[in-house]
Amino acid sequence: MFGWFGGGDIEILPHELKEKIENGEDIVILDVRENWEHDRVRIPGAKHIPLAQLPQALSQIDRNKDIVVYCHHGVRSMQACQFMKKNGFEKIRNLRGGIDAYARTVDKTMQTY
């Protein structure tokens, strides 16, 4: 049901996302944090749509691609995943622990906040 994600698990671990990025996989990385958060630190290449703007911006996201959504700790991005699933997105995952976990475990050069 979830394409390359397999099974019903909607979460992806930071090191799994890093592998997909390093392998050059054609994925959409969606940052649903606020503008000030995105300006402070982000995963390179991420598409930025704050959670509050997501309902109006769904058409800007390629629903045929595998999508990984992230926020600071994973709560808002899980809400975004659930909303997107209800709106027909199938190949979607939440980054477990958000950018904070990514920065602490995968890319320790990233700023945390």
C-alpha atoms as a PDB file:
ATOM      1  CA  MET A   1       0.000   0.000   0.000  1.00  0.00           C
ATOM      2  CA  PHE A   2       2.850   2.435   0.705  1.00  0.00           C
ATOM      3  CA  GLY A   3       5.114   1.583  -2.245  1.00  0.00           C
ATOM      4  CA  TRP A   4       8.745   1.610  -1.159  1.00  0.00           C
ATOM      5  CA  PHE A   5       7.697   2.108   2.398  1.00  0.00           C
ATOM      6  CA  GLY A   6       6.035  -1.284   2.691  1.00  0.00           C
ATOM      7  CA  GLY A   7       3.579  -2.331   5.358  1.00  0.00           C
ATOM      8  CA  GLY A   8       1.415   0.064   7.291  1.00  0.00           C
ATOM      9  CA  ASP A   9       4.183   1.809   9.217  1.00  0.00           C
ATOM     10  CA  ILE A  10       3.922   5.512   8.558  1.00  0.00           C
ATOM     11  CA  GLU A  11       7.274   6.458  10.136  1.00  0.00           C
ATOM     12  CA  ILE A  12      10.779   6.525   8.735  1.00  0.00           C
ATOM     13  CA  LEU A  13      13.910   6.743  10.874  1.00  0.00           C
ATOM     14  CA  PRO A  14      16.442   9.533  10.353  1.00  0.00           C
ATOM     15  CA  HIS A  15      19.175   7.159   9.113  1.00  0.00           C
ATOM     16  CA  GLU A  16      16.724   5.617   6.612  1.00  0.00           C
ATOM     17  CA  LEU A  17      15.973   9.069   5.185  1.00  0.00           C
ATOM     18  CA  LYS A  18      19.687   9.844   5.005  1.00  0.00           C
ATOM     19  CA  GLU A  19      20.248   6.644   2.981  1.00  0.00           C
ATOM     20  CA  LYS A  20      17.507   7.604   0.538  1.00  0.00           C
ATOM     21  CA  ILE A  21      19.031  11.062   0.103  1.00  0.00           C
ATOM     22  CA  GLU A  22      22.548   9.660  -0.343  1.00  0.00           C
ATOM     23  CA  ASN A  23      21.256   7.103  -2.873  1.00  0.00           C
ATOM     24  CA  GLY A  24      19.724   9.933  -4.897  1.00  0.00           C
ATOM     25  CA  GLU A  25      16.206   8.531  -4.640  1.00  0.00           C
ATOM     26  CA  ASP A  26      13.540  10.723  -6.203  1.00  0.00           C
ATOM     27  CA  ILE A  27      11.580  11.632  -3.078  1.00  0.00           C
ATOM     28  CA  VAL A  28       9.775  14.713  -1.851  1.00  0.00           C
ATOM     29  CA  ILE A  29      10.972  15.901   1.542  1.00  0.00           C
ATOM     30  CA  LEU A  30       8.289  18.167   2.985  1.00  0.00           C
ATOM     31  CA  ASP A  31       9.018  20.575   5.850  1.00  0.00           C
ATOM     32  CA  VAL A  32       5.795  21.643   7.607  1.00  0.00           C
ATOM     33  CA  ARG A  33       7.436  23.889  10.231  1.00  0.00           C
ATOM     34  CA  GLU A  34       6.947  27.628  10.528  1.00  0.00           C
ATOM     35  CA  ASN A  35       9.002  30.049   8.414  1.00  0.00           C
ATOM     36  CA  TRP A  36      11.358  31.009  11.262  1.00  0.00           C
ATOM     37  CA  GLU A  37      12.137  27.339  11.913  1.00  0.00           C
ATOM     38  CA  HIS A  38      12.793  26.619   8.246  1.00  0.00           C
ATOM     39  CA  ASP A  39      15.031  29.694   8.045  1.00  0.00           C
ATOM     40  CA  ARG A  40      17.049  28.462  11.040  1.00  0.00           C
ATOM     41  CA  VAL A  41      17.809  24.897   9.851  1.00  0.00           C
ATOM     42  CA  ARG A  42      16.494  22.544   7.177  1.00  0.00           C
ATOM     43  CA  ILE A  43      17.192  19.339   5.340  1.00  0.00           C
ATOM     44  CA  PRO A  44      18.700  20.376   1.991  1.00  0.00           C
ATOM     45  CA  GLY A  45      16.235  20.190  -0.887  1.00  0.00           C
ATOM     46  CA  ALA A  46      13.152  20.113   1.334  1.00  0.00           C
ATOM     47  CA  LYS A  47       9.947  21.698   0.067  1.00  0.00           C
ATOM     48  CA  HIS A  48       8.612  24.114   2.685  1.00  0.00           C
ATOM     49  CA  ILE A  49       4.874  24.381   3.317  1.00  0.00           C
ATOM     50  CA  PRO A  50       3.892  25.367   6.876  1.00  0.00           C
ATOM     51  CA  LEU A  51       1.254  23.047   8.349  1.00  0.00           C
ATOM     52  CA  ALA A  52      -1.406  25.790   8.460  1.00  0.00           C
ATOM     53  CA  GLN A  53      -0.981  26.335   4.693  1.00  0.00           C
ATOM     54  CA  LEU A  54      -0.994  22.646   3.759  1.00  0.00           C
ATOM     55  CA  PRO A  55      -4.731  22.341   2.934  1.00  0.00           C
ATOM     56  CA  GLN A  56      -4.432  25.059   0.272  1.00  0.00           C
ATOM     57  CA  ALA A  57      -1.104  23.738  -1.056  1.00  0.00           C
ATOM     58  CA  LEU A  58      -1.791  20.035  -1.654  1.00  0.00           C
ATOM     59  CA  SER A  59      -1.766  20.589  -5.421  1.00  0.00           C
ATOM     60  CA  GLN A  60       1.892  21.700  -5.151  1.00  0.00           C
ATOM     61  CA  ILE A  61       2.939  18.219  -3.956  1.00  0.00           C
ATOM     62  CA  ASP A  62       3.477  15.353  -6.398  1.00  0.00           C
ATOM     63  CA  ARG A  63       1.300  12.590  -4.984  1.00  0.00           C
ATOM     64  CA  ASN A  64       2.960  10.044  -7.299  1.00  0.00           C
ATOM     65  CA  LYS A  65       6.316  10.418  -5.545  1.00  0.00           C
ATOM     66  CA  ASP A  66       7.388   8.987  -2.208  1.00  0.00           C
ATOM     67  CA  ILE A  67       7.026  11.720   0.402  1.00  0.00           C
ATOM     68  CA  VAL A  68       8.745  12.183   3.760  1.00  0.00           C
ATOM     69  CA  VAL A  69       7.252  14.870   6.012  1.00  0.00           C
ATOM     70  CA  TYR A  70       9.106  16.453   8.919  1.00  0.00           C
ATOM     71  CA  CYS A  71       8.758  19.125  11.575  1.00  0.00           C
ATOM     72  CA  HIS A  72      10.718  19.822  14.765  1.00  0.00           C
ATOM     73  CA  HIS A  73       9.937  16.655  16.752  1.00  0.00           C
ATOM     74  CA  GLY A  74       7.470  14.755  14.551  1.00  0.00           C
ATOM     75  CA  VAL A  75       4.091  15.790  15.951  1.00  0.00           C
ATOM     76  CA  ARG A  76       3.006  18.363  13.356  1.00  0.00           C
ATOM     77  CA  SER A  77       4.411  16.233  10.556  1.00  0.00           C
ATOM     78  CA  MET A  78       2.366  13.246  11.767  1.00  0.00           C
ATOM     79  CA  GLN A  79      -0.727  15.461  11.641  1.00  0.00           C
ATOM     80  CA  ALA A  80       0.263  16.452   8.106  1.00  0.00           C
ATOM     81  CA  CYS A  81       0.701  12.797   7.100  1.00  0.00           C
ATOM     82  CA  GLN A  82      -2.708  11.869   8.471  1.00  0.00           C
ATOM     83  CA  PHE A  83      -4.324  14.828   6.686  1.00  0.00           C
ATOM     84  CA  MET A  84      -2.583  13.983   3.422  1.00  0.00           C
ATOM     85  CA  LYS A  85      -3.580  10.312   3.664  1.00  0.00           C
ATOM     86  CA  LYS A  86      -7.215  11.379   4.080  1.00  0.00           C
ATOM     87  CA  ASN A  87      -6.773  13.439   0.917  1.00  0.00           C
ATOM     88  CA  GLY A  88      -5.523  10.586  -1.252  1.00  0.00           C
ATOM     89  CA  PHE A  89      -1.763  10.601  -0.655  1.00  0.00           C
ATOM     90  CA  GLU A  90      -0.580   7.017  -0.259  1.00  0.00           C
ATOM     91  CA  LYS A  91       3.230   7.030  -0.388  1.00  0.00           C
ATOM     92  CA  ILE A  92       3.874   9.146   2.656  1.00  0.00           C
ATOM     93  CA  ARG A  93       5.997   8.806   5.795  1.00  0.00           C
ATOM     94  CA  ASN A  94       6.668  10.854   8.889  1.00  0.00           C
ATOM     95  CA  LEU A  95      10.280  11.451   9.946  1.00  0.00           C
ATOM     96  CA  ARG A  96      10.382   9.962  13.450  1.00  0.00           C
ATOM     97  CA  GLY A  97      11.716  12.534  15.906  1.00  0.00           C
ATOM     98  CA  GLY A  98      11.676  15.290  13.272  1.00  0.00           C
ATOM     99  CA  ILE A  99      14.623  17.428  12.308  1.00  0.00           C
ATOM    100  CA  ASP A 100      15.781  17.373  15.917  1.00  0.00           C
ATOM    101  CA  ALA A 101      16.413  13.605  15.755  1.00  0.00           C
ATOM    102  CA  TYR A 102      17.915  13.963  12.270  1.00  0.00           C
ATOM    103  CA  ALA A 103      20.362  16.619  13.529  1.00  0.00           C
ATOM    104  CA  ARG A 104      21.281  14.660  16.644  1.00  0.00           C
ATOM    105  CA  THR A 105      21.790  11.273  14.979  1.00  0.00           C
ATOM    106  CA  VAL A 106      22.506  11.771  11.275  1.00  0.00           C
ATOM    107  CA  ASP A 107      23.948  15.228  10.630  1.00  0.00           C
ATOM    108  CA  LYS A 108      25.508  16.578  13.815  1.00  0.00           C
ATOM    109  CA  THR A 109      26.623  19.731  11.976  1.00  0.00           C
ATOM    110  CA  MET A 110      22.992  20.881  11.849  1.00  0.00           C
ATOM    111  CA  GLN A 111      21.850  23.455  14.361  1.00  0.00           C
ATOM    112  CA  THR A 112      19.339  22.268  16.969  1.00  0.00           C
ATOM    113  CA  TYR A 113      16.805  24.423  18.753  1.00  0.00           C
END
